[in-house]
């Protein structure tokens, strides 16, 4: 078995610019996603599993998916709009999680 080649995914050269664009934009969102993931898991560790579920549902179903559609189709940004929506949703998830964590209501949860 030889080395893994890029042809494992696709041989279409028109995909490469989209992949590069995706990696560049979404990678910025991963910085925020990592922070948000730590804060969300802190809620879970404290026994508050409802807050992380709500944060993830809101950021995925109400921000990321509609945002991707709006930016890609309505605004006309194409795939780049989807990539920006992903990075934006990750960023918003982190901001919301940090805000709720600082409020401290998770401290009153009974396990």
PDB file of N, CA and C in Angstrom:
ATOM      1  N   UNK A   1       0.843  -1.169   0.000  1.00  0.00           N
ATOM      2  CA  UNK A   1       0.000   0.000   0.000  1.00  0.00           C
ATOM      3  C   UNK A   1       0.890   1.235   0.000  1.00  0.00           C
ATOM      4  N   UNK A   2       0.670   2.117  -0.949  1.00  0.00           N
ATOM      5  CA  UNK A   2       1.500   3.308  -1.091  1.00  0.00           C
ATOM      6  C   UNK A   2       1.051   4.444  -0.192  1.00  0.00           C
ATOM      7  N   UNK A   3       1.712   5.556  -0.369  1.00  0.00           N
ATOM      8  CA  UNK A   3       1.384   6.749   0.418  1.00  0.00           C
ATOM      9  C   UNK A   3       0.003   7.276   0.034  1.00  0.00           C
ATOM     10  N   UNK A   4      -0.641   7.883   0.977  1.00  0.00           N
ATOM     11  CA  UNK A   4      -1.956   8.464   0.734  1.00  0.00           C
ATOM     12  C   UNK A   4      -1.801   9.661  -0.196  1.00  0.00           C
ATOM     13  N   UNK A   5      -2.549   9.669  -1.258  1.00  0.00           N
ATOM     14  CA  UNK A   5      -2.461  10.798  -2.193  1.00  0.00           C
ATOM     15  C   UNK A   5      -3.718  11.639  -2.078  1.00  0.00           C
ATOM     16  N   UNK A   6      -3.637  12.866  -2.547  1.00  0.00           N
ATOM     17  CA  UNK A   6      -4.776  13.773  -2.527  1.00  0.00           C
ATOM     18  C   UNK A   6      -5.896  13.262  -3.420  1.00  0.00           C
ATOM     19  N   UNK A   7      -5.578  12.392  -4.334  1.00  0.00           N
ATOM     20  CA  UNK A   7      -6.577  11.843  -5.231  1.00  0.00           C
ATOM     21  C   UNK A   7      -7.538  10.918  -4.500  1.00  0.00           C
ATOM     22  N   UNK A   8      -7.231  10.610  -3.259  1.00  0.00           N
ATOM     23  CA  UNK A   8      -8.125   9.818  -2.436  1.00  0.00           C
ATOM     24  C   UNK A   8      -9.462  10.543  -2.265  1.00  0.00           C
ATOM     25  N   UNK A   9      -9.416  11.875  -2.185  1.00  0.00           N
ATOM     26  CA  UNK A   9     -10.621  12.662  -1.989  1.00  0.00           C
ATOM     27  C   UNK A   9     -11.274  13.043  -3.301  1.00  0.00           C
ATOM     28  N   UNK A  10     -10.517  13.616  -4.224  1.00  0.00           N
ATOM     29  CA  UNK A  10     -11.060  14.017  -5.516  1.00  0.00           C
ATOM     30  C   UNK A  10      -9.921  14.207  -6.518  1.00  0.00           C
ATOM     31  N   UNK A  11     -10.258  14.076  -7.752  1.00  0.00           N
ATOM     32  CA  UNK A  11      -9.279  14.353  -8.803  1.00  0.00           C
ATOM     33  C   UNK A  11      -9.665  15.601  -9.582  1.00  0.00           C
ATOM     34  N   UNK A  12     -10.715  16.280  -9.153  1.00  0.00           N
ATOM     35  CA  UNK A  12     -11.205  17.470  -9.826  1.00  0.00           C
ATOM     36  C   UNK A  12     -10.406  18.698  -9.382  1.00  0.00           C
ATOM     37  N   UNK A  13      -9.642  19.317 -10.278  1.00  0.00           N
ATOM     38  CA  UNK A  13      -8.808  20.455  -9.887  1.00  0.00           C
ATOM     39  C   UNK A  13      -9.611  21.715  -9.535  1.00  0.00           C
ATOM     40  N   UNK A  14     -10.875  21.769  -9.898  1.00  0.00           N
ATOM     41  CA  UNK A  14     -11.669  22.955  -9.550  1.00  0.00           C
ATOM     42  C   UNK A  14     -12.037  22.987  -8.066  1.00  0.00           C
ATOM     43  N   UNK A  15     -11.847  21.872  -7.369  1.00  0.00           N
ATOM     44  CA  UNK A  15     -12.177  21.801  -5.949  1.00  0.00           C
ATOM     45  C   UNK A  15     -11.080  22.437  -5.091  1.00  0.00           C
ATOM     46  N   UNK A  16      -9.859  22.415  -5.558  1.00  0.00           N
ATOM     47  CA  UNK A  16      -8.710  22.867  -4.764  1.00  0.00           C
ATOM     48  C   UNK A  16      -8.873  24.299  -4.247  1.00  0.00           C
ATOM     49  N   UNK A  17      -9.254  25.279  -5.058  1.00  0.00           N
ATOM     50  CA  UNK A  17      -9.406  26.637  -4.500  1.00  0.00           C
ATOM     51  C   UNK A  17     -10.463  26.724  -3.399  1.00  0.00           C
ATOM     52  N   UNK A  18     -11.527  25.934  -3.521  1.00  0.00           N
ATOM     53  CA  UNK A  18     -12.552  25.926  -2.481  1.00  0.00           C
ATOM     54  C   UNK A  18     -12.008  25.314  -1.192  1.00  0.00           C
ATOM     55  N   UNK A  19     -11.233  24.261  -1.320  1.00  0.00           N
ATOM     56  CA  UNK A  19     -10.654  23.609  -0.142  1.00  0.00           C
ATOM     57  C   UNK A  19      -9.686  24.557   0.567  1.00  0.00           C
ATOM     58  N   UNK A  20      -8.889  25.259  -0.197  1.00  0.00           N
ATOM     59  CA  UNK A  20      -7.952  26.214   0.389  1.00  0.00           C
ATOM     60  C   UNK A  20      -8.710  27.324   1.101  1.00  0.00           C
ATOM     61  N   UNK A  21      -9.730  27.853   0.458  1.00  0.00           N
ATOM     62  CA  UNK A  21     -10.559  28.909   1.043  1.00  0.00           C
ATOM     63  C   UNK A  21     -11.200  28.421   2.341  1.00  0.00           C
ATOM     64  N   UNK A  22     -11.727  27.213   2.307  1.00  0.00           N
ATOM     65  CA  UNK A  22     -12.367  26.640   3.494  1.00  0.00           C
ATOM     66  C   UNK A  22     -11.381  26.517   4.642  1.00  0.00           C
ATOM     67  N   UNK A  23     -10.219  25.974   4.367  1.00  0.00           N
ATOM     68  CA  UNK A  23      -9.227  25.791   5.428  1.00  0.00           C
ATOM     69  C   UNK A  23      -8.787  27.120   6.024  1.00  0.00           C
ATOM     70  N   UNK A  24      -8.608  28.114   5.194  1.00  0.00           N
ATOM     71  CA  UNK A  24      -8.168  29.419   5.687  1.00  0.00           C
ATOM     72  C   UNK A  24      -9.221  30.087   6.558  1.00  0.00           C
ATOM     73  N   UNK A  25     -10.468  30.019   6.165  1.00  0.00           N
ATOM     74  CA  UNK A  25     -11.535  30.709   6.896  1.00  0.00           C
ATOM     75  C   UNK A  25     -11.959  29.923   8.133  1.00  0.00           C
ATOM     76  N   UNK A  26     -12.213  28.643   7.972  1.00  0.00           N
ATOM     77  CA  UNK A  26     -12.702  27.834   9.090  1.00  0.00           C
ATOM     78  C   UNK A  26     -11.622  27.677  10.157  1.00  0.00           C
ATOM     79  N   UNK A  27     -10.358  27.672   9.761  1.00  0.00           N
ATOM     80  CA  UNK A  27      -9.271  27.566  10.735  1.00  0.00           C
ATOM     81  C   UNK A  27      -9.302  28.727  11.721  1.00  0.00           C
ATOM     82  N   UNK A  28      -9.687  29.903  11.272  1.00  0.00           N
ATOM     83  CA  UNK A  28      -9.815  31.041  12.183  1.00  0.00           C
ATOM     84  C   UNK A  28     -10.917  30.780  13.202  1.00  0.00           C
ATOM     85  N   UNK A  29     -11.991  30.175  12.762  1.00  0.00           N
ATOM     86  CA  UNK A  29     -13.086  29.835  13.664  1.00  0.00           C
ATOM     87  C   UNK A  29     -12.700  28.768  14.675  1.00  0.00           C
ATOM     88  N   UNK A  30     -11.758  27.899  14.312  1.00  0.00           N
ATOM     89  CA  UNK A  30     -11.334  26.838  15.228  1.00  0.00           C
ATOM     90  C   UNK A  30     -10.675  27.404  16.484  1.00  0.00           C
ATOM     91  N   UNK A  31     -10.045  28.566  16.389  1.00  0.00           N
ATOM     92  CA  UNK A  31      -9.459  29.192  17.573  1.00  0.00           C
ATOM     93  C   UNK A  31     -10.556  29.478  18.602  1.00  0.00           C
ATOM     94  N   UNK A  32     -11.666  30.009  18.134  1.00  0.00           N
ATOM     95  CA  UNK A  32     -12.790  30.292  19.021  1.00  0.00           C
ATOM     96  C   UNK A  32     -13.496  29.002  19.432  1.00  0.00           C
ATOM     97  N   UNK A  33     -13.606  28.070  18.508  1.00  0.00           N
ATOM     98  CA  UNK A  33     -14.284  26.807  18.783  1.00  0.00           C
ATOM     99  C   UNK A  33     -13.587  26.063  19.928  1.00  0.00           C
ATOM    100  N   UNK A  34     -12.265  26.084  19.948  1.00  0.00           N
ATOM    101  CA  UNK A  34     -11.510  25.399  20.999  1.00  0.00           C
ATOM    102  C   UNK A  34     -11.829  26.002  22.371  1.00  0.00           C
ATOM    103  N   UNK A  35     -11.827  27.320  22.442  1.00  0.00           N
ATOM    104  CA  UNK A  35     -12.156  27.991  23.700  1.00  0.00           C
ATOM    105  C   UNK A  35     -13.591  27.671  24.118  1.00  0.00           C
ATOM    106  N   UNK A  36     -14.509  27.771  23.174  1.00  0.00           N
ATOM    107  CA  UNK A  36     -15.912  27.489  23.460  1.00  0.00           C
ATOM    108  C   UNK A  36     -16.126  26.054  23.911  1.00  0.00           C
ATOM    109  N   UNK A  37     -15.402  25.126  23.315  1.00  0.00           N
ATOM    110  CA  UNK A  37     -15.534  23.717  23.686  1.00  0.00           C
ATOM    111  C   UNK A  37     -15.099  23.498  25.133  1.00  0.00           C
ATOM    112  N   UNK A  38     -14.046  24.165  25.556  1.00  0.00           N
ATOM    113  CA  UNK A  38     -13.584  24.036  26.937  1.00  0.00           C
ATOM    114  C   UNK A  38     -14.642  24.567  27.900  1.00  0.00           C
ATOM    115  N   UNK A  39     -15.203  25.728  27.588  1.00  0.00           N
ATOM    116  CA  UNK A  39     -16.215  26.319  28.470  1.00  0.00           C
ATOM    117  C   UNK A  39     -17.475  25.465  28.497  1.00  0.00           C
ATOM    118  N   UNK A  40     -17.902  24.981  27.347  1.00  0.00           N
ATOM    119  CA  UNK A  40     -19.095  24.139  27.283  1.00  0.00           C
ATOM    120  C   UNK A  40     -18.882  22.850  28.084  1.00  0.00           C
ATOM    121  N   UNK A  41     -17.710  22.278  28.002  1.00  0.00           N
ATOM    122  CA  UNK A  41     -17.441  21.059  28.760  1.00  0.00           C
ATOM    123  C   UNK A  41     -17.338  21.332  30.259  1.00  0.00           C
ATOM    124  N   UNK A  42     -17.000  22.562  30.626  1.00  0.00           N
ATOM    125  CA  UNK A  42     -17.005  22.931  32.041  1.00  0.00           C
ATOM    126  C   UNK A  42     -18.430  22.872  32.589  1.00  0.00           C
ATOM    127  N   UNK A  43     -19.402  23.300  31.784  1.00  0.00           N
ATOM    128  CA  UNK A  43     -20.802  23.165  32.195  1.00  0.00           C
ATOM    129  C   UNK A  43     -21.143  21.695  32.417  1.00  0.00           C
ATOM    130  N   UNK A  44     -20.750  20.867  31.478  1.00  0.00           N
ATOM    131  CA  UNK A  44     -21.033  19.433  31.603  1.00  0.00           C
ATOM    132  C   UNK A  44     -20.393  18.861  32.853  1.00  0.00           C
ATOM    133  N   UNK A  45     -19.147  19.241  33.106  1.00  0.00           N
ATOM    134  CA  UNK A  45     -18.442  18.748  34.289  1.00  0.00           C
ATOM    135  C   UNK A  45     -19.095  19.180  35.583  1.00  0.00           C
ATOM    136  N   UNK A  46     -19.754  20.337  35.551  1.00  0.00           N
ATOM    137  CA  UNK A  46     -20.441  20.837  36.746  1.00  0.00           C
ATOM    138  C   UNK A  46     -21.830  20.229  36.895  1.00  0.00           C
ATOM    139  N   UNK A  47     -22.244  19.398  35.945  1.00  0.00           N
ATOM    140  CA  UNK A  47     -23.546  18.750  36.026  1.00  0.00           C
ATOM    141  C   UNK A  47     -24.659  19.488  35.302  1.00  0.00           C
ATOM    142  N   UNK A  48     -24.316  20.590  34.657  1.00  0.00           N
ATOM    143  CA  UNK A  48     -25.321  21.353  33.901  1.00  0.00           C
ATOM    144  C   UNK A  48     -25.223  20.945  32.436  1.00  0.00           C
ATOM    145  N   UNK A  49     -26.051  20.018  32.029  1.00  0.00           N
ATOM    146  CA  UNK A  49     -26.004  19.531  30.645  1.00  0.00           C
ATOM    147  C   UNK A  49     -27.011  20.235  29.743  1.00  0.00           C
ATOM    148  N   UNK A  50     -27.943  20.947  30.342  1.00  0.00           N
ATOM    149  CA  UNK A  50     -28.953  21.650  29.549  1.00  0.00           C
ATOM    150  C   UNK A  50     -28.357  22.859  28.828  1.00  0.00           C
ATOM    151  N   UNK A  51     -27.548  23.626  29.534  1.00  0.00           N
ATOM    152  CA  UNK A  51     -26.951  24.828  28.939  1.00  0.00           C
ATOM    153  C   UNK A  51     -26.108  24.507  27.714  1.00  0.00           C
ATOM    154  N   UNK A  52     -25.195  23.535  27.772  1.00  0.00           N
ATOM    155  CA  UNK A  52     -24.420  23.223  26.570  1.00  0.00           C
ATOM    156  C   UNK A  52     -25.287  22.757  25.403  1.00  0.00           C
ATOM    157  N   UNK A  53     -26.346  21.982  25.738  1.00  0.00           N
ATOM    158  CA  UNK A  53     -27.232  21.528  24.668  1.00  0.00           C
ATOM    159  C   UNK A  53     -27.904  22.716  23.989  1.00  0.00           C
ATOM    160  N   UNK A  54     -28.393  23.654  24.776  1.00  0.00           N
ATOM    161  CA  UNK A  54     -29.063  24.825  24.214  1.00  0.00           C
ATOM    162  C   UNK A  54     -28.101  25.695  23.411  1.00  0.00           C
ATOM    163  N   UNK A  55     -26.897  25.871  23.914  1.00  0.00           N
ATOM    164  CA  UNK A  55     -25.890  26.654  23.185  1.00  0.00           C
ATOM    165  C   UNK A  55     -25.617  26.015  21.826  1.00  0.00           C
ATOM    166  N   UNK A  56     -25.418  24.704  21.828  1.00  0.00           N
ATOM    167  CA  UNK A  56     -25.107  24.013  20.574  1.00  0.00           C
ATOM    168  C   UNK A  56     -26.287  24.024  19.607  1.00  0.00           C
ATOM    169  N   UNK A  57     -27.486  23.848  20.112  1.00  0.00           N
ATOM    170  CA  UNK A  57     -28.667  23.867  19.240  1.00  0.00           C
ATOM    171  C   UNK A  57     -28.837  25.250  18.612  1.00  0.00           C
ATOM    172  N   UNK A  58     -28.753  26.288  19.441  1.00  0.00           N
ATOM    173  CA  UNK A  58     -28.925  27.649  18.926  1.00  0.00           C
ATOM    174  C   UNK A  58     -27.841  27.984  17.904  1.00  0.00           C
ATOM    175  N   UNK A  59     -26.597  27.696  18.248  1.00  0.00           N
ATOM    176  CA  UNK A  59     -25.507  28.073  17.339  1.00  0.00           C
ATOM    177  C   UNK A  59     -25.503  27.259  16.055  1.00  0.00           C
ATOM    178  N   UNK A  60     -25.935  26.000  16.124  1.00  0.00           N
ATOM    179  CA  UNK A  60     -25.945  25.178  14.914  1.00  0.00           C
ATOM    180  C   UNK A  60     -27.204  25.406  14.083  1.00  0.00           C
ATOM    181  N   UNK A  61     -28.372  25.225  14.698  1.00  0.00           N
ATOM    182  CA  UNK A  61     -29.619  25.265  13.944  1.00  0.00           C
ATOM    183  C   UNK A  61     -30.099  26.667  13.617  1.00  0.00           C
ATOM    184  N   UNK A  62     -29.816  27.633  14.480  1.00  0.00           N
ATOM    185  CA  UNK A  62     -30.346  28.977  14.271  1.00  0.00           C
ATOM    186  C   UNK A  62     -29.325  29.987  13.778  1.00  0.00           C
ATOM    187  N   UNK A  63     -28.046  29.649  13.843  1.00  0.00           N
ATOM    188  CA  UNK A  63     -27.002  30.574  13.396  1.00  0.00           C
ATOM    189  C   UNK A  63     -26.234  30.005  12.196  1.00  0.00           C
ATOM    190  N   UNK A  64     -25.612  28.858  12.399  1.00  0.00           N
ATOM    191  CA  UNK A  64     -24.726  28.316  11.353  1.00  0.00           C
ATOM    192  C   UNK A  64     -25.475  27.946  10.078  1.00  0.00           C
ATOM    193  N   UNK A  65     -26.517  27.146  10.174  1.00  0.00           N
ATOM    194  CA  UNK A  65     -27.215  26.701   8.968  1.00  0.00           C
ATOM    195  C   UNK A  65     -27.936  27.836   8.234  1.00  0.00           C
ATOM    196  N   UNK A  66     -28.757  28.636   8.924  1.00  0.00           N
ATOM    197  CA  UNK A  66     -29.384  29.754   8.199  1.00  0.00           C
ATOM    198  C   UNK A  66     -28.358  30.776   7.710  1.00  0.00           C
ATOM    199  N   UNK A  67     -27.322  30.991   8.513  1.00  0.00           N
ATOM    200  CA  UNK A  67     -26.278  31.933   8.101  1.00  0.00           C
ATOM    201  C   UNK A  67     -25.561  31.475   6.847  1.00  0.00           C
ATOM    202  N   UNK A  68     -25.278  30.195   6.774  1.00  0.00           N
ATOM    203  CA  UNK A  68     -24.625  29.654   5.579  1.00  0.00           C
ATOM    204  C   UNK A  68     -25.519  29.818   4.357  1.00  0.00           C
ATOM    205  N   UNK A  69     -26.796  29.529   4.530  1.00  0.00           N
ATOM    206  CA  UNK A  69     -27.719  29.678   3.406  1.00  0.00           C
ATOM    207  C   UNK A  69     -27.814  31.142   2.981  1.00  0.00           C
ATOM    208  N   UNK A  70     -27.995  32.029   3.940  1.00  0.00           N
ATOM    209  CA  UNK A  70     -28.125  33.450   3.608  1.00  0.00           C
ATOM    210  C   UNK A  70     -26.881  33.992   2.910  1.00  0.00           C
ATOM    211  N   UNK A  71     -25.719  33.693   3.482  1.00  0.00           N
ATOM    212  CA  UNK A  71     -24.489  34.219   2.879  1.00  0.00           C
ATOM    213  C   UNK A  71     -24.200  33.580   1.521  1.00  0.00           C
ATOM    214  N   UNK A  72     -24.437  32.285   1.408  1.00  0.00           N
ATOM    215  CA  UNK A  72     -24.119  31.586   0.166  1.00  0.00           C
ATOM    216  C   UNK A  72     -25.113  31.884  -0.945  1.00  0.00           C
ATOM    217  N   UNK A  73     -26.392  31.816  -0.623  1.00  0.00           N
ATOM    218  CA  UNK A  73     -27.420  31.928  -1.654  1.00  0.00           C
ATOM    219  C   UNK A  73     -28.004  33.333  -1.788  1.00  0.00           C
ATOM    220  N   UNK A  74     -28.436  33.908  -0.677  1.00  0.00           N
ATOM    221  CA  UNK A  74     -29.122  35.201  -0.737  1.00  0.00           C
ATOM    222  C   UNK A  74     -28.145  36.330  -1.037  1.00  0.00           C
ATOM    223  N   UNK A  75     -27.030  36.354  -0.301  1.00  0.00           N
ATOM    224  CA  UNK A  75     -26.030  37.399  -0.517  1.00  0.00           C
ATOM    225  C   UNK A  75     -25.202  37.103  -1.768  1.00  0.00           C
ATOM    226  N   UNK A  76     -25.119  35.831  -2.134  1.00  0.00           N
ATOM    227  CA  UNK A  76     -24.410  35.448  -3.351  1.00  0.00           C
ATOM    228  C   UNK A  76     -22.918  35.200  -3.175  1.00  0.00           C
ATOM    229  N   UNK A  77     -22.506  34.847  -1.955  1.00  0.00           N
ATOM    230  CA  UNK A  77     -21.082  34.606  -1.704  1.00  0.00           C
ATOM    231  C   UNK A  77     -20.641  33.200  -2.076  1.00  0.00           C
ATOM    232  N   UNK A  78     -21.569  32.321  -2.348  1.00  0.00           N
ATOM    233  CA  UNK A  78     -21.225  30.953  -2.706  1.00  0.00           C
ATOM    234  C   UNK A  78     -20.636  30.194  -1.529  1.00  0.00           C
ATOM    235  N   UNK A  79     -19.748  29.255  -1.808  1.00  0.00           N
ATOM    236  CA  UNK A  79     -19.161  28.448  -0.737  1.00  0.00           C
ATOM    237  C   UNK A  79     -18.463  29.282   0.341  1.00  0.00           C
ATOM    238  N   UNK A  80     -17.854  30.380  -0.065  1.00  0.00           N
ATOM    239  CA  UNK A  80     -17.171  31.231   0.915  1.00  0.00           C
ATOM    240  C   UNK A  80     -18.154  31.707   1.994  1.00  0.00           C
ATOM    241  N   UNK A  81     -19.386  31.973   1.623  1.00  0.00           N
ATOM    242  CA  UNK A  81     -20.401  32.369   2.598  1.00  0.00           C
ATOM    243  C   UNK A  81     -20.650  31.283   3.630  1.00  0.00           C
ATOM    244  N   UNK A  82     -20.667  30.048   3.176  1.00  0.00           N
ATOM    245  CA  UNK A  82     -20.823  28.921   4.101  1.00  0.00           C
ATOM    246  C   UNK A  82     -19.659  28.819   5.057  1.00  0.00           C
ATOM    247  N   UNK A  83     -18.461  29.013   4.544  1.00  0.00           N
ATOM    248  CA  UNK A  83     -17.268  28.940   5.391  1.00  0.00           C
ATOM    249  C   UNK A  83     -17.273  30.053   6.436  1.00  0.00           C
ATOM    250  N   UNK A  84     -17.679  31.235   6.033  1.00  0.00           N
ATOM    251  CA  UNK A  84     -17.744  32.367   6.960  1.00  0.00           C
ATOM    252  C   UNK A  84     -18.807  32.115   8.024  1.00  0.00           C
ATOM    253  N   UNK A  85     -19.927  31.534   7.632  1.00  0.00           N
ATOM    254  CA  UNK A  85     -20.985  31.220   8.597  1.00  0.00           C
ATOM    255  C   UNK A  85     -20.498  30.219   9.640  1.00  0.00           C
ATOM    256  N   UNK A  86     -19.719  29.254   9.218  1.00  0.00           N
ATOM    257  CA  UNK A  86     -19.169  28.267  10.157  1.00  0.00           C
ATOM    258  C   UNK A  86     -18.265  28.955  11.167  1.00  0.00           C
ATOM    259  N   UNK A  87     -17.326  29.759  10.675  1.00  0.00           N
ATOM    260  CA  UNK A  87     -16.405  30.464  11.576  1.00  0.00           C
ATOM    261  C   UNK A  87     -17.163  31.422  12.495  1.00  0.00           C
ATOM    262  N   UNK A  88     -18.167  32.088  11.958  1.00  0.00           N
ATOM    263  CA  UNK A  88     -18.968  33.007  12.771  1.00  0.00           C
ATOM    264  C   UNK A  88     -19.748  32.293  13.857  1.00  0.00           C
ATOM    265  N   UNK A  89     -20.316  31.140  13.524  1.00  0.00           N
ATOM    266  CA  UNK A  89     -21.073  30.370  14.513  1.00  0.00           C
ATOM    267  C   UNK A  89     -20.163  29.861  15.618  1.00  0.00           C
ATOM    268  N   UNK A  90     -18.961  29.433  15.266  1.00  0.00           N
ATOM    269  CA  UNK A  90     -18.002  28.994  16.286  1.00  0.00           C
ATOM    270  C   UNK A  90     -17.652  30.152  17.209  1.00  0.00           C
ATOM    271  N   UNK A  91     -17.462  31.318  16.640  1.00  0.00           N
ATOM    272  CA  UNK A  91     -17.117  32.495  17.441  1.00  0.00           C
ATOM    273  C   UNK A  91     -18.265  32.872  18.369  1.00  0.00           C
ATOM    274  N   UNK A  92     -19.472  32.887  17.834  1.00  0.00           N
ATOM    275  CA  UNK A  92     -20.633  33.223  18.647  1.00  0.00           C
ATOM    276  C   UNK A  92     -20.846  32.195  19.753  1.00  0.00           C
ATOM    277  N   UNK A  93     -20.625  30.941  19.455  1.00  0.00           N
ATOM    278  CA  UNK A  93     -20.754  29.885  20.459  1.00  0.00           C
ATOM    279  C   UNK A  93     -19.815  30.170  21.631  1.00  0.00           C
ATOM    280  N   UNK A  94     -18.609  30.577  21.349  1.00  0.00           N
ATOM    281  CA  UNK A  94     -17.643  30.881  22.403  1.00  0.00           C
ATOM    282  C   UNK A  94     -18.071  32.068  23.236  1.00  0.00           C
ATOM    283  N   UNK A  95     -18.567  33.111  22.576  1.00  0.00           N
ATOM    284  CA  UNK A  95     -19.008  34.312  23.292  1.00  0.00           C
ATOM    285  C   UNK A  95     -20.191  33.985  24.198  1.00  0.00           C
ATOM    286  N   UNK A  96     -21.160  33.258  23.676  1.00  0.00           N
ATOM    287  CA  UNK A  96     -22.338  32.893  24.472  1.00  0.00           C
ATOM    288  C   UNK A  96     -21.934  32.016  25.657  1.00  0.00           C
ATOM    289  N   UNK A  97     -21.084  31.019  25.406  1.00  0.00           N
ATOM    290  CA  UNK A  97     -20.662  30.119  26.480  1.00  0.00           C
ATOM    291  C   UNK A  97     -19.896  30.878  27.564  1.00  0.00           C
ATOM    292  N   UNK A  98     -19.001  31.771  27.161  1.00  0.00           N
ATOM    293  CA  UNK A  98     -18.235  32.540  28.140  1.00  0.00           C
ATOM    294  C   UNK A  98     -19.154  33.450  28.951  1.00  0.00           C
ATOM    295  N   UNK A  99     -20.113  34.083  28.285  1.00  0.00           N
ATOM    296  CA  UNK A  99     -21.056  34.958  28.980  1.00  0.00           C
ATOM    297  C   UNK A  99     -21.858  34.179  30.019  1.00  0.00           C
ATOM    298  N   UNK A 100     -22.408  33.036  29.620  1.00  0.00           N
ATOM    299  CA  UNK A 100     -23.212  32.236  30.541  1.00  0.00           C
ATOM    300  C   UNK A 100     -22.363  31.644  31.669  1.00  0.00           C
ATOM    301  N   UNK A 101     -21.137  31.299  31.355  1.00  0.00           N
ATOM    302  CA  UNK A 101     -20.257  30.751  32.385  1.00  0.00           C
ATOM    303  C   UNK A 101     -19.944  31.814  33.436  1.00  0.00           C
ATOM    304  N   UNK A 102     -19.686  33.029  32.979  1.00  0.00           N
ATOM    305  CA  UNK A 102     -19.371  34.121  33.912  1.00  0.00           C
ATOM    306  C   UNK A 102     -20.572  34.506  34.773  1.00  0.00           C
ATOM    307  N   UNK A 103     -21.770  34.287  34.277  1.00  0.00           N
ATOM    308  CA  UNK A 103     -22.965  34.553  35.086  1.00  0.00           C
ATOM    309  C   UNK A 103     -22.994  33.669  36.321  1.00  0.00           C
ATOM    310  N   UNK A 104     -22.478  32.453  36.209  1.00  0.00           N
ATOM    311  CA  UNK A 104     -22.314  31.581  37.367  1.00  0.00           C
ATOM    312  C   UNK A 104     -23.527  30.785  37.792  1.00  0.00           C
ATOM    313  N   UNK A 105     -24.581  30.780  36.994  1.00  0.00           N
ATOM    314  CA  UNK A 105     -25.768  30.023  37.404  1.00  0.00           C
ATOM    315  C   UNK A 105     -25.516  28.513  37.421  1.00  0.00           C
ATOM    316  N   UNK A 106     -24.481  28.076  36.730  1.00  0.00           N
ATOM    317  CA  UNK A 106     -24.136  26.661  36.722  1.00  0.00           C
ATOM    318  C   UNK A 106     -23.711  26.186  38.117  1.00  0.00           C
ATOM    319  N   UNK A 107     -23.286  27.109  38.983  1.00  0.00           N
ATOM    320  CA  UNK A 107     -22.827  26.743  40.330  1.00  0.00           C
ATOM    321  C   UNK A 107     -23.987  26.255  41.220  1.00  0.00           C
ATOM    322  N   UNK A 108     -25.194  26.630  40.850  1.00  0.00           N
ATOM    323  CA  UNK A 108     -26.342  26.266  41.683  1.00  0.00           C
ATOM    324  C   UNK A 108     -26.991  24.953  41.247  1.00  0.00           C
ATOM    325  N   UNK A 109     -26.486  24.328  40.211  1.00  0.00           N
ATOM    326  CA  UNK A 109     -27.055  23.059  39.719  1.00  0.00           C
ATOM    327  C   UNK A 109     -26.843  21.960  40.754  1.00  0.00           C
ATOM    328  N   UNK A 110     -27.882  21.198  40.996  1.00  0.00           N
ATOM    329  CA  UNK A 110     -27.785  20.035  41.869  1.00  0.00           C
ATOM    330  C   UNK A 110     -27.605  18.804  41.008  1.00  0.00           C
ATOM    331  N   UNK A 111     -26.599  18.017  41.339  1.00  0.00           N
ATOM    332  CA  UNK A 111     -26.299  16.809  40.566  1.00  0.00           C
ATOM    333  C   UNK A 111     -26.905  15.612  41.240  1.00  0.00           C
TER     334      UNK A 111
END
